Amino acid sequence: MLITCKNCNTIFSIDQSKLTSNNQKVKCSVCSNVWIVSQKNEEINLNKNTKKNLSNNFLKTILVLGFLIIVVILGISQKNILSAQLPFIKKIYISLGFNVGPNINALEIVNLKTNYHNNYLRIYGEIKNNTSLKSHASLILIKIYDSKNNLLKEIKVRPDNKFIEPKNNINFFYQSDFKGPNKIKIKVQLSSDLVF
């Protein structure tokens, strides 16, 4: 039979045949606590302790599962921010089938300059990160139209870096021979594509 000292929680195994009466005094060899042991009470106490331990273990399991669910939800919903802060995580997200990309709402094109002269086109500027967190850089999508808004050419341009530090800018640059009409319209925008 197992008994537990109520003072120090030490568990002892005693031989039931050594109990001379229904209620017998025992002394803990660890802390010298004295208490009364009865087979019926001890079984009841063990059952109460077992139920209490099961209840505590169940509660701990629920809390751990709840915490893990929250971590997974945040990990998925904030994957772009997390993968920019910890680039090695990007491979994990991609291997799990998640798209990882820049937060277009937090970026903007600034200091944009275009020059088209004698069939030579030059476009350059900067991508600005408006957040206080590191961000993935975005590809730049350049669309060239004629005067009637017909799309003549579409180009994706890589910026100088894969990431943009908080509240910083990175450069992009494109130049090419372009044989087209004398008057063209140029639209420059951020692409949701990730720079690799």
N, C-alpha and C. Protein backbone atom coordinates (compact mmCIF):
# COMPACT_ATOMS: atom_id res chain seq x y z
N MET A 1 0.84 -1.17 0.00
CA MET A 1 0.00 0.00 0.00
C MET A 1 0.90 1.24 0.00
N LEU A 2 0.52 2.25 -0.74
CA LEU A 2 1.28 3.49 -0.78
C LEU A 2 0.60 4.53 0.09
N ILE A 3 1.41 5.24 0.89
CA ILE A 3 0.89 6.36 1.68
C ILE A 3 1.78 7.57 1.41
N THR A 4 1.20 8.75 1.59
CA THR A 4 1.92 9.99 1.31
C THR A 4 1.90 10.87 2.54
N CYS A 5 3.06 11.37 2.91
CA CYS A 5 3.14 12.31 4.01
C CYS A 5 2.50 13.63 3.57
N LYS A 6 1.56 14.12 4.37
CA LYS A 6 0.85 15.35 4.02
C LYS A 6 1.74 16.59 4.18
N ASN A 7 2.84 16.45 4.92
CA ASN A 7 3.72 17.58 5.18
C ASN A 7 4.78 17.76 4.10
N CYS A 8 5.48 16.68 3.73
CA CYS A 8 6.58 16.81 2.75
C CYS A 8 6.30 16.09 1.44
N ASN A 9 5.14 15.44 1.33
CA ASN A 9 4.71 14.73 0.11
C ASN A 9 5.60 13.56 -0.27
N THR A 10 6.34 13.02 0.67
CA THR A 10 7.13 11.82 0.42
C THR A 10 6.18 10.63 0.38
N ILE A 11 6.39 9.74 -0.57
CA ILE A 11 5.53 8.57 -0.73
C ILE A 11 6.24 7.35 -0.15
N PHE A 12 5.50 6.60 0.64
CA PHE A 12 6.05 5.40 1.26
C PHE A 12 5.21 4.19 0.87
N SER A 13 5.87 3.06 0.80
CA SER A 13 5.17 1.80 0.58
C SER A 13 5.20 1.04 1.91
N ILE A 14 4.00 0.68 2.37
CA ILE A 14 3.95 -0.07 3.62
C ILE A 14 3.19 -1.37 3.37
N ASP A 15 3.51 -2.34 4.17
CA ASP A 15 2.84 -3.65 4.09
C ASP A 15 1.54 -3.55 4.87
N GLN A 16 0.41 -3.83 4.21
CA GLN A 16 -0.90 -3.73 4.86
C GLN A 16 -1.02 -4.66 6.06
N SER A 17 -0.31 -5.75 6.01
CA SER A 17 -0.40 -6.71 7.12
C SER A 17 0.22 -6.13 8.39
N LYS A 18 1.04 -5.09 8.27
CA LYS A 18 1.67 -4.48 9.45
C LYS A 18 0.71 -3.53 10.17
N LEU A 19 -0.37 -3.16 9.47
CA LEU A 19 -1.35 -2.29 10.11
C LEU A 19 -2.15 -3.14 11.10
N THR A 20 -2.13 -2.76 12.39
CA THR A 20 -2.79 -3.56 13.43
C THR A 20 -4.24 -3.16 13.63
N SER A 21 -4.58 -1.93 13.26
CA SER A 21 -5.98 -1.50 13.41
C SER A 21 -6.38 -0.69 12.17
N ASN A 22 -7.65 -0.34 12.15
CA ASN A 22 -8.16 0.42 11.01
C ASN A 22 -7.50 1.79 10.93
N ASN A 23 -7.32 2.46 12.05
CA ASN A 23 -6.68 3.76 12.11
C ASN A 23 -5.40 3.62 12.91
N GLN A 24 -4.29 3.87 12.25
CA GLN A 24 -3.01 3.69 12.93
C GLN A 24 -2.13 4.90 12.67
N LYS A 25 -1.40 5.30 13.73
CA LYS A 25 -0.47 6.41 13.60
C LYS A 25 0.80 5.94 12.91
N VAL A 26 1.29 6.83 11.99
CA VAL A 26 2.57 6.57 11.33
C VAL A 26 3.39 7.84 11.40
N LYS A 27 4.73 7.67 11.32
CA LYS A 27 5.64 8.81 11.40
C LYS A 27 6.51 8.84 10.15
N CYS A 28 6.60 10.01 9.56
CA CYS A 28 7.42 10.19 8.34
C CYS A 28 8.89 10.15 8.73
N SER A 29 9.66 9.32 8.04
CA SER A 29 11.09 9.21 8.33
C SER A 29 11.89 10.37 7.73
N VAL A 30 11.24 11.21 6.92
CA VAL A 30 11.94 12.34 6.30
C VAL A 30 11.75 13.61 7.13
N CYS A 31 10.50 13.93 7.49
CA CYS A 31 10.24 15.21 8.18
C CYS A 31 9.69 15.02 9.60
N SER A 32 9.49 13.79 10.02
CA SER A 32 8.99 13.43 11.36
C SER A 32 7.53 13.80 11.59
N ASN A 33 6.81 14.08 10.53
CA ASN A 33 5.38 14.36 10.64
C ASN A 33 4.66 13.08 11.07
N VAL A 34 3.64 13.22 11.92
CA VAL A 34 2.86 12.07 12.39
C VAL A 34 1.43 12.26 11.91
N TRP A 35 0.85 11.20 11.37
CA TRP A 35 -0.55 11.25 10.93
C TRP A 35 -1.17 9.87 11.06
N ILE A 36 -2.46 9.82 10.86
CA ILE A 36 -3.20 8.56 11.03
C ILE A 36 -3.45 7.98 9.64
N VAL A 37 -3.19 6.69 9.50
CA VAL A 37 -3.39 5.99 8.24
C VAL A 37 -4.55 5.03 8.39
N SER A 38 -5.41 5.07 7.40
CA SER A 38 -6.49 4.10 7.34
C SER A 38 -6.59 3.66 5.89
N GLN A 39 -6.82 2.41 5.68
CA GLN A 39 -6.86 1.91 4.30
C GLN A 39 -7.94 2.62 3.49
N LYS A 40 -9.09 2.82 4.05
CA LYS A 40 -10.18 3.47 3.32
C LYS A 40 -9.83 4.93 3.01
N ASN A 41 -9.37 5.67 4.02
CA ASN A 41 -9.03 7.08 3.82
C ASN A 41 -7.90 7.24 2.81
N GLU A 42 -6.92 6.35 2.93
CA GLU A 42 -5.77 6.48 2.03
C GLU A 42 -6.21 6.26 0.59
N GLU A 43 -7.09 5.28 0.38
CA GLU A 43 -7.58 5.04 -0.98
C GLU A 43 -8.36 6.25 -1.48
N ILE A 44 -9.16 6.83 -0.60
CA ILE A 44 -9.91 8.02 -0.99
C ILE A 44 -8.95 9.17 -1.30
N ASN A 45 -7.96 9.36 -0.46
CA ASN A 45 -6.99 10.43 -0.70
C ASN A 45 -6.23 10.20 -2.01
N LEU A 46 -5.85 8.96 -2.26
CA LEU A 46 -5.14 8.68 -3.51
C LEU A 46 -6.04 8.99 -4.70
N ASN A 47 -7.31 8.62 -4.62
CA ASN A 47 -8.23 8.91 -5.71
C ASN A 47 -8.39 10.42 -5.90
N LYS A 48 -8.49 11.17 -4.80
CA LYS A 48 -8.60 12.62 -4.91
C LYS A 48 -7.35 13.22 -5.54
N ASN A 49 -6.18 12.73 -5.08
CA ASN A 49 -4.92 13.22 -5.65
C ASN A 49 -4.82 12.88 -7.13
N THR A 50 -5.22 11.66 -7.46
CA THR A 50 -5.16 11.24 -8.87
C THR A 50 -6.06 12.12 -9.72
N LYS A 51 -7.30 12.37 -9.22
CA LYS A 51 -8.22 13.24 -9.97
C LYS A 51 -7.65 14.65 -10.09
N LYS A 52 -7.07 15.15 -9.00
CA LYS A 52 -6.50 16.49 -9.01
C LYS A 52 -5.34 16.56 -10.02
N ASN A 53 -4.46 15.53 -10.00
CA ASN A 53 -3.34 15.50 -10.93
C ASN A 53 -3.82 15.41 -12.38
N LEU A 54 -4.83 14.56 -12.61
CA LEU A 54 -5.38 14.46 -13.97
C LEU A 54 -5.98 15.78 -14.41
N SER A 55 -6.69 16.44 -13.50
CA SER A 55 -7.29 17.74 -13.81
C SER A 55 -6.20 18.77 -14.12
N ASN A 56 -5.14 18.79 -13.31
CA ASN A 56 -4.03 19.73 -13.54
C ASN A 56 -3.33 19.42 -14.86
N ASN A 57 -3.10 18.14 -15.14
CA ASN A 57 -2.44 17.76 -16.40
C ASN A 57 -3.30 18.14 -17.60
N PHE A 58 -4.62 17.93 -17.49
CA PHE A 58 -5.53 18.29 -18.57
C PHE A 58 -5.49 19.80 -18.81
N LEU A 59 -5.53 20.57 -17.72
CA LEU A 59 -5.48 22.03 -17.83
C LEU A 59 -4.17 22.49 -18.46
N LYS A 60 -3.06 21.89 -18.03
CA LYS A 60 -1.76 22.24 -18.61
C LYS A 60 -1.72 21.91 -20.10
N THR A 61 -2.27 20.75 -20.46
CA THR A 61 -2.30 20.35 -21.87
C THR A 61 -3.12 21.33 -22.70
N ILE A 62 -4.28 21.74 -22.18
CA ILE A 62 -5.13 22.71 -22.88
C ILE A 62 -4.39 24.04 -23.05
N LEU A 63 -3.72 24.49 -22.00
CA LEU A 63 -2.98 25.75 -22.07
C LEU A 63 -1.85 25.68 -23.09
N VAL A 64 -1.12 24.58 -23.09
CA VAL A 64 -0.02 24.41 -24.05
C VAL A 64 -0.57 24.36 -25.48
N LEU A 65 -1.64 23.60 -25.68
CA LEU A 65 -2.24 23.53 -27.02
C LEU A 65 -2.77 24.90 -27.46
N GLY A 66 -3.40 25.63 -26.55
CA GLY A 66 -3.89 26.96 -26.86
C GLY A 66 -2.75 27.89 -27.25
N PHE A 67 -1.66 27.82 -26.49
CA PHE A 67 -0.49 28.63 -26.79
C PHE A 67 0.09 28.28 -28.16
N LEU A 68 0.19 26.98 -28.45
CA LEU A 68 0.72 26.54 -29.75
C LEU A 68 -0.19 27.00 -30.90
N ILE A 69 -1.49 26.94 -30.69
CA ILE A 69 -2.42 27.40 -31.73
C ILE A 69 -2.23 28.89 -31.99
N ILE A 70 -2.09 29.67 -30.92
CA ILE A 70 -1.86 31.11 -31.08
C ILE A 70 -0.55 31.37 -31.81
N VAL A 71 0.51 30.64 -31.45
CA VAL A 71 1.81 30.80 -32.12
C VAL A 71 1.70 30.47 -33.61
N VAL A 72 0.99 29.39 -33.94
CA VAL A 72 0.83 29.01 -35.35
C VAL A 72 0.04 30.06 -36.11
N ILE A 73 -1.05 30.54 -35.52
CA ILE A 73 -1.87 31.57 -36.18
C ILE A 73 -1.05 32.83 -36.41
N LEU A 74 -0.33 33.27 -35.38
CA LEU A 74 0.51 34.47 -35.54
C LEU A 74 1.63 34.21 -36.54
N GLY A 75 2.20 33.03 -36.51
CA GLY A 75 3.27 32.69 -37.44
C GLY A 75 2.82 32.73 -38.88
N ILE A 76 1.58 32.29 -39.12
CA ILE A 76 1.05 32.30 -40.49
C ILE A 76 0.62 33.72 -40.89
N SER A 77 -0.09 34.40 -39.99
CA SER A 77 -0.60 35.73 -40.35
C SER A 77 0.52 36.76 -40.45
N GLN A 78 1.61 36.55 -39.75
CA GLN A 78 2.72 37.51 -39.77
C GLN A 78 3.95 36.94 -40.48
N LYS A 79 3.72 36.02 -41.43
CA LYS A 79 4.84 35.33 -42.08
C LYS A 79 5.77 36.28 -42.83
N ASN A 80 5.23 37.32 -43.44
CA ASN A 80 6.08 38.25 -44.19
C ASN A 80 7.00 39.03 -43.26
N ILE A 81 6.47 39.46 -42.13
CA ILE A 81 7.28 40.19 -41.16
C ILE A 81 8.32 39.26 -40.53
N LEU A 82 7.89 38.06 -40.11
CA LEU A 82 8.82 37.11 -39.48
C LEU A 82 9.93 36.69 -40.42
N SER A 83 9.59 36.41 -41.68
CA SER A 83 10.62 35.94 -42.61
C SER A 83 11.57 37.06 -43.01
N ALA A 84 11.15 38.32 -42.88
CA ALA A 84 12.08 39.42 -43.14
C ALA A 84 13.04 39.60 -41.96
N GLN A 85 12.55 39.36 -40.74
CA GLN A 85 13.40 39.49 -39.56
C GLN A 85 14.36 38.32 -39.43
N LEU A 86 13.87 37.13 -39.78
CA LEU A 86 14.65 35.89 -39.66
C LEU A 86 14.64 35.20 -41.03
N PRO A 87 15.52 35.60 -41.95
CA PRO A 87 15.44 35.11 -43.33
C PRO A 87 15.45 33.59 -43.50
N PHE A 88 16.06 32.84 -42.58
CA PHE A 88 16.08 31.38 -42.71
C PHE A 88 14.68 30.78 -42.63
N ILE A 89 13.74 31.50 -42.00
CA ILE A 89 12.37 31.01 -41.88
C ILE A 89 11.65 31.03 -43.23
N LYS A 90 12.10 31.90 -44.14
CA LYS A 90 11.46 32.00 -45.45
C LYS A 90 11.43 30.65 -46.16
N LYS A 91 12.52 29.90 -46.08
CA LYS A 91 12.59 28.58 -46.72
C LYS A 91 11.56 27.62 -46.11
N ILE A 92 11.36 27.72 -44.81
CA ILE A 92 10.39 26.85 -44.14
C ILE A 92 8.99 27.18 -44.63
N TYR A 93 8.64 28.47 -44.66
CA TYR A 93 7.31 28.86 -45.16
C TYR A 93 7.11 28.39 -46.59
N ILE A 94 8.09 28.59 -47.44
CA ILE A 94 7.96 28.21 -48.84
C ILE A 94 7.83 26.70 -48.98
N SER A 95 8.60 25.93 -48.19
CA SER A 95 8.52 24.47 -48.26
C SER A 95 7.15 23.97 -47.77
N LEU A 96 6.48 24.76 -46.92
CA LEU A 96 5.15 24.39 -46.45
C LEU A 96 4.05 24.88 -47.39
N GLY A 97 4.45 25.54 -48.48
CA GLY A 97 3.48 25.98 -49.48
C GLY A 97 2.91 27.37 -49.27
N PHE A 98 3.48 28.14 -48.35
CA PHE A 98 3.01 29.50 -48.12
C PHE A 98 3.76 30.48 -49.02
N ASN A 99 3.03 31.46 -49.52
CA ASN A 99 3.66 32.54 -50.28
C ASN A 99 4.22 33.56 -49.31
N VAL A 100 5.46 33.92 -49.52
CA VAL A 100 6.11 34.93 -48.69
C VAL A 100 6.45 36.08 -49.61
N GLY A 101 6.10 37.29 -49.20
CA GLY A 101 6.36 38.43 -50.06
C GLY A 101 6.42 39.72 -49.29
N PRO A 102 6.66 40.78 -50.00
CA PRO A 102 6.76 42.08 -49.35
C PRO A 102 5.38 42.58 -48.92
N ASN A 103 5.38 43.43 -47.93
CA ASN A 103 4.16 44.09 -47.50
C ASN A 103 4.03 45.37 -48.32
N ILE A 104 3.33 45.29 -49.44
CA ILE A 104 3.21 46.41 -50.38
C ILE A 104 2.63 47.65 -49.70
N ASN A 105 1.74 47.45 -48.73
CA ASN A 105 1.13 48.59 -48.05
C ASN A 105 2.12 49.39 -47.21
N ALA A 106 3.25 48.77 -46.86
CA ALA A 106 4.24 49.44 -46.02
C ALA A 106 5.36 50.06 -46.85
N LEU A 107 5.36 49.82 -48.14
CA LEU A 107 6.43 50.31 -49.02
C LEU A 107 5.88 51.36 -49.97
N GLU A 108 6.77 52.23 -50.45
CA GLU A 108 6.37 53.19 -51.48
C GLU A 108 7.58 53.53 -52.35
N ILE A 109 7.28 53.95 -53.57
CA ILE A 109 8.33 54.39 -54.49
C ILE A 109 8.54 55.89 -54.27
N VAL A 110 9.79 56.28 -54.08
CA VAL A 110 10.13 57.69 -53.87
C VAL A 110 11.28 58.07 -54.79
N ASN A 111 11.45 59.36 -54.99
CA ASN A 111 12.55 59.91 -55.80
C ASN A 111 12.61 59.28 -57.18
N LEU A 112 11.45 59.11 -57.80
CA LEU A 112 11.38 58.47 -59.11
C LEU A 112 11.82 59.45 -60.20
N LYS A 113 12.69 58.99 -61.08
CA LYS A 113 13.16 59.78 -62.22
C LYS A 113 13.07 58.91 -63.47
N THR A 114 12.59 59.49 -64.55
CA THR A 114 12.55 58.79 -65.84
C THR A 114 13.16 59.69 -66.91
N ASN A 115 13.78 59.04 -67.86
CA ASN A 115 14.38 59.79 -68.96
C ASN A 115 14.26 58.93 -70.21
N TYR A 116 13.64 59.49 -71.25
CA TYR A 116 13.49 58.78 -72.52
C TYR A 116 13.91 59.75 -73.63
N HIS A 117 15.03 59.41 -74.26
CA HIS A 117 15.57 60.31 -75.28
C HIS A 117 16.34 59.47 -76.30
N ASN A 118 16.05 59.69 -77.58
CA ASN A 118 16.74 58.98 -78.67
C ASN A 118 16.69 57.46 -78.49
N ASN A 119 15.52 56.95 -78.24
CA ASN A 119 15.32 55.51 -78.06
C ASN A 119 16.14 54.91 -76.92
N TYR A 120 16.44 55.71 -75.94
CA TYR A 120 17.17 55.22 -74.77
C TYR A 120 16.32 55.54 -73.53
N LEU A 121 15.98 54.52 -72.77
CA LEU A 121 15.10 54.67 -71.62
C LEU A 121 15.88 54.42 -70.34
N ARG A 122 15.72 55.32 -69.39
CA ARG A 122 16.36 55.19 -68.09
C ARG A 122 15.33 55.52 -67.02
N ILE A 123 15.19 54.59 -66.04
CA ILE A 123 14.25 54.77 -64.93
C ILE A 123 14.98 54.41 -63.64
N TYR A 124 14.90 55.27 -62.65
CA TYR A 124 15.54 54.97 -61.37
C TYR A 124 14.80 55.68 -60.25
N GLY A 125 14.98 55.15 -59.06
CA GLY A 125 14.33 55.70 -57.88
C GLY A 125 14.68 54.86 -56.66
N GLU A 126 13.83 54.97 -55.66
CA GLU A 126 14.06 54.25 -54.40
C GLU A 126 12.76 53.63 -53.92
N ILE A 127 12.90 52.53 -53.18
CA ILE A 127 11.77 51.95 -52.46
C ILE A 127 11.96 52.32 -51.00
N LYS A 128 10.93 52.90 -50.41
CA LYS A 128 10.99 53.33 -49.02
C LYS A 128 10.19 52.37 -48.14
N ASN A 129 10.80 51.94 -47.04
CA ASN A 129 10.12 51.13 -46.03
C ASN A 129 9.58 52.08 -44.96
N ASN A 130 8.28 52.20 -44.85
CA ASN A 130 7.65 53.14 -43.92
C ASN A 130 7.41 52.55 -42.53
N THR A 131 7.82 51.31 -42.32
CA THR A 131 7.55 50.67 -41.02
C THR A 131 8.77 50.72 -40.11
N SER A 132 8.55 50.31 -38.89
CA SER A 132 9.65 50.24 -37.92
C SER A 132 10.25 48.84 -37.87
N LEU A 133 9.89 48.00 -38.85
CA LEU A 133 10.44 46.64 -38.94
C LEU A 133 11.11 46.44 -40.29
N LYS A 134 12.10 45.58 -40.31
CA LYS A 134 12.74 45.20 -41.57
C LYS A 134 11.69 44.58 -42.49
N SER A 135 11.80 44.84 -43.79
CA SER A 135 10.80 44.35 -44.74
C SER A 135 11.47 43.70 -45.94
N HIS A 136 10.74 42.76 -46.56
CA HIS A 136 11.17 42.23 -47.84
C HIS A 136 11.11 43.34 -48.87
N ALA A 137 12.05 43.36 -49.78
CA ALA A 137 11.99 44.31 -50.89
C ALA A 137 11.03 43.77 -51.94
N SER A 138 10.49 44.68 -52.70
CA SER A 138 9.55 44.32 -53.76
C SER A 138 10.23 44.48 -55.10
N LEU A 139 9.86 43.65 -56.06
CA LEU A 139 10.26 43.91 -57.43
C LEU A 139 9.51 45.15 -57.90
N ILE A 140 10.10 45.87 -58.84
CA ILE A 140 9.47 47.04 -59.43
C ILE A 140 8.88 46.63 -60.76
N LEU A 141 7.61 46.94 -60.95
CA LEU A 141 6.92 46.63 -62.20
C LEU A 141 6.84 47.92 -63.02
N ILE A 142 7.45 47.89 -64.20
CA ILE A 142 7.44 49.04 -65.11
C ILE A 142 6.60 48.68 -66.33
N LYS A 143 5.61 49.52 -66.61
CA LYS A 143 4.77 49.32 -67.78
C LYS A 143 4.92 50.54 -68.68
N ILE A 144 5.14 50.28 -69.97
CA ILE A 144 5.32 51.35 -70.94
C ILE A 144 4.16 51.31 -71.92
N TYR A 145 3.50 52.46 -72.08
CA TYR A 145 2.33 52.59 -72.94
C TYR A 145 2.60 53.61 -74.04
N ASP A 146 1.90 53.45 -75.16
CA ASP A 146 1.95 54.50 -76.18
C ASP A 146 0.92 55.57 -75.82
N SER A 147 0.76 56.58 -76.64
CA SER A 147 -0.14 57.70 -76.35
C SER A 147 -1.61 57.28 -76.34
N LYS A 148 -1.93 56.09 -76.90
CA LYS A 148 -3.31 55.59 -76.90
C LYS A 148 -3.55 54.56 -75.78
N ASN A 149 -2.63 54.50 -74.85
CA ASN A 149 -2.69 53.58 -73.69
C ASN A 149 -2.60 52.11 -74.07
N ASN A 150 -1.95 51.82 -75.18
CA ASN A 150 -1.66 50.43 -75.53
C ASN A 150 -0.37 50.02 -74.84
N LEU A 151 -0.40 48.88 -74.17
CA LEU A 151 0.79 48.40 -73.47
C LEU A 151 1.84 47.98 -74.49
N LEU A 152 3.01 48.60 -74.41
CA LEU A 152 4.11 48.28 -75.32
C LEU A 152 5.10 47.29 -74.70
N LYS A 153 5.34 47.46 -73.41
CA LYS A 153 6.35 46.61 -72.76
C LYS A 153 6.09 46.60 -71.26
N GLU A 154 6.38 45.43 -70.66
CA GLU A 154 6.27 45.28 -69.21
C GLU A 154 7.56 44.67 -68.71
N ILE A 155 8.16 45.27 -67.70
CA ILE A 155 9.46 44.84 -67.20
C ILE A 155 9.39 44.75 -65.67
N LYS A 156 10.03 43.72 -65.11
CA LYS A 156 10.19 43.63 -63.67
C LYS A 156 11.67 43.89 -63.36
N VAL A 157 11.90 44.80 -62.43
CA VAL A 157 13.26 45.23 -62.10
C VAL A 157 13.56 44.89 -60.64
N ARG A 158 14.74 44.33 -60.41
CA ARG A 158 15.18 44.02 -59.06
C ARG A 158 15.80 45.27 -58.41
N PRO A 159 15.44 45.52 -57.16
CA PRO A 159 16.13 46.60 -56.45
C PRO A 159 17.53 46.13 -56.03
N ASP A 160 18.28 47.02 -55.42
CA ASP A 160 19.66 46.70 -55.05
C ASP A 160 19.77 45.65 -53.93
N ASN A 161 18.76 45.53 -53.08
CA ASN A 161 18.83 44.60 -51.95
C ASN A 161 17.55 43.77 -51.85
N LYS A 162 17.64 42.65 -51.12
CA LYS A 162 16.47 41.80 -50.89
C LYS A 162 15.61 42.31 -49.75
N PHE A 163 16.22 43.05 -48.82
CA PHE A 163 15.52 43.54 -47.65
C PHE A 163 15.72 45.05 -47.51
N ILE A 164 14.75 45.68 -46.84
CA ILE A 164 14.85 47.11 -46.57
C ILE A 164 14.77 47.30 -45.06
N GLU A 165 15.78 47.93 -44.51
CA GLU A 165 15.80 48.18 -43.07
C GLU A 165 14.68 49.16 -42.69
N PRO A 166 14.28 49.18 -41.42
CA PRO A 166 13.20 50.07 -40.99
C PRO A 166 13.48 51.54 -41.33
N LYS A 167 12.46 52.20 -41.85
CA LYS A 167 12.52 53.64 -42.17
C LYS A 167 13.66 53.99 -43.11
N ASN A 168 14.07 53.05 -43.95
CA ASN A 168 15.17 53.27 -44.91
C ASN A 168 14.68 53.09 -46.33
N ASN A 169 15.55 53.44 -47.27
CA ASN A 169 15.27 53.29 -48.70
C ASN A 169 16.33 52.41 -49.33
N ILE A 170 15.95 51.74 -50.44
CA ILE A 170 16.93 51.07 -51.29
C ILE A 170 16.70 51.53 -52.73
N ASN A 171 17.74 51.49 -53.52
CA ASN A 171 17.68 51.98 -54.90
C ASN A 171 17.22 50.90 -55.87
N PHE A 172 16.65 51.35 -56.98
CA PHE A 172 16.43 50.50 -58.14
C PHE A 172 16.80 51.31 -59.37
N PHE A 173 17.17 50.58 -60.43
CA PHE A 173 17.65 51.26 -61.64
C PHE A 173 17.35 50.37 -62.84
N TYR A 174 16.88 51.00 -63.92
CA TYR A 174 16.66 50.28 -65.18
C TYR A 174 17.04 51.20 -66.32
N GLN A 175 17.80 50.63 -67.27
CA GLN A 175 18.07 51.36 -68.50
C GLN A 175 18.15 50.37 -69.66
N SER A 176 17.70 50.85 -70.82
CA SER A 176 17.66 49.96 -71.97
C SER A 176 17.45 50.78 -73.24
N ASP A 177 17.87 50.20 -74.36
CA ASP A 177 17.45 50.75 -75.66
C ASP A 177 15.98 50.40 -75.82
N PHE A 178 15.19 51.38 -76.22
CA PHE A 178 13.77 51.15 -76.41
C PHE A 178 13.33 51.83 -77.69
N LYS A 179 13.06 51.02 -78.66
CA LYS A 179 12.62 51.56 -79.95
C LYS A 179 11.10 51.58 -79.95
N GLY A 180 10.57 52.77 -79.75
CA GLY A 180 9.13 52.92 -79.68
C GLY A 180 8.76 54.30 -80.20
N PRO A 181 7.52 54.68 -79.98
CA PRO A 181 7.10 56.01 -80.44
C PRO A 181 7.83 57.10 -79.66
N ASN A 182 7.79 58.31 -80.18
CA ASN A 182 8.48 59.43 -79.54
C ASN A 182 7.87 59.77 -78.19
N LYS A 183 6.54 59.60 -78.06
CA LYS A 183 5.88 59.89 -76.80
C LYS A 183 5.39 58.59 -76.19
N ILE A 184 5.80 58.36 -74.95
CA ILE A 184 5.38 57.17 -74.22
C ILE A 184 4.92 57.58 -72.82
N LYS A 185 4.13 56.71 -72.22
CA LYS A 185 3.72 56.88 -70.82
C LYS A 185 4.36 55.74 -70.04
N ILE A 186 4.87 56.07 -68.89
CA ILE A 186 5.54 55.07 -68.06
C ILE A 186 4.81 54.99 -66.72
N LYS A 187 4.45 53.78 -66.36
CA LYS A 187 3.82 53.53 -65.05
C LYS A 187 4.78 52.66 -64.25
N VAL A 188 5.15 53.12 -63.07
CA VAL A 188 6.08 52.37 -62.20
C VAL A 188 5.33 52.06 -60.90
N GLN A 189 5.32 50.78 -60.53
CA GLN A 189 4.62 50.38 -59.31
C GLN A 189 5.34 49.22 -58.63
N LEU A 190 4.98 49.00 -57.38
CA LEU A 190 5.53 47.89 -56.63
C LEU A 190 4.83 46.61 -57.04
N SER A 191 5.59 45.52 -57.12
CA SER A 191 5.03 44.21 -57.43
C SER A 191 4.97 43.41 -56.13
N SER A 192 4.00 42.53 -56.02
CA SER A 192 3.92 41.70 -54.82
C SER A 192 4.91 40.54 -54.86
N ASP A 193 5.68 40.44 -55.96
CA ASP A 193 6.68 39.38 -56.09
C ASP A 193 7.85 39.64 -55.16
N LEU A 194 8.36 38.57 -54.59
CA LEU A 194 9.49 38.62 -53.68
C LEU A 194 10.79 38.65 -54.45
N VAL A 195 11.75 39.44 -53.99
CA VAL A 195 13.08 39.48 -54.60
C VAL A 195 13.88 38.31 -54.08
N PHE A 196 14.37 37.44 -54.98
CA PHE A 196 15.21 36.30 -54.57
C PHE A 196 16.65 36.58 -54.86
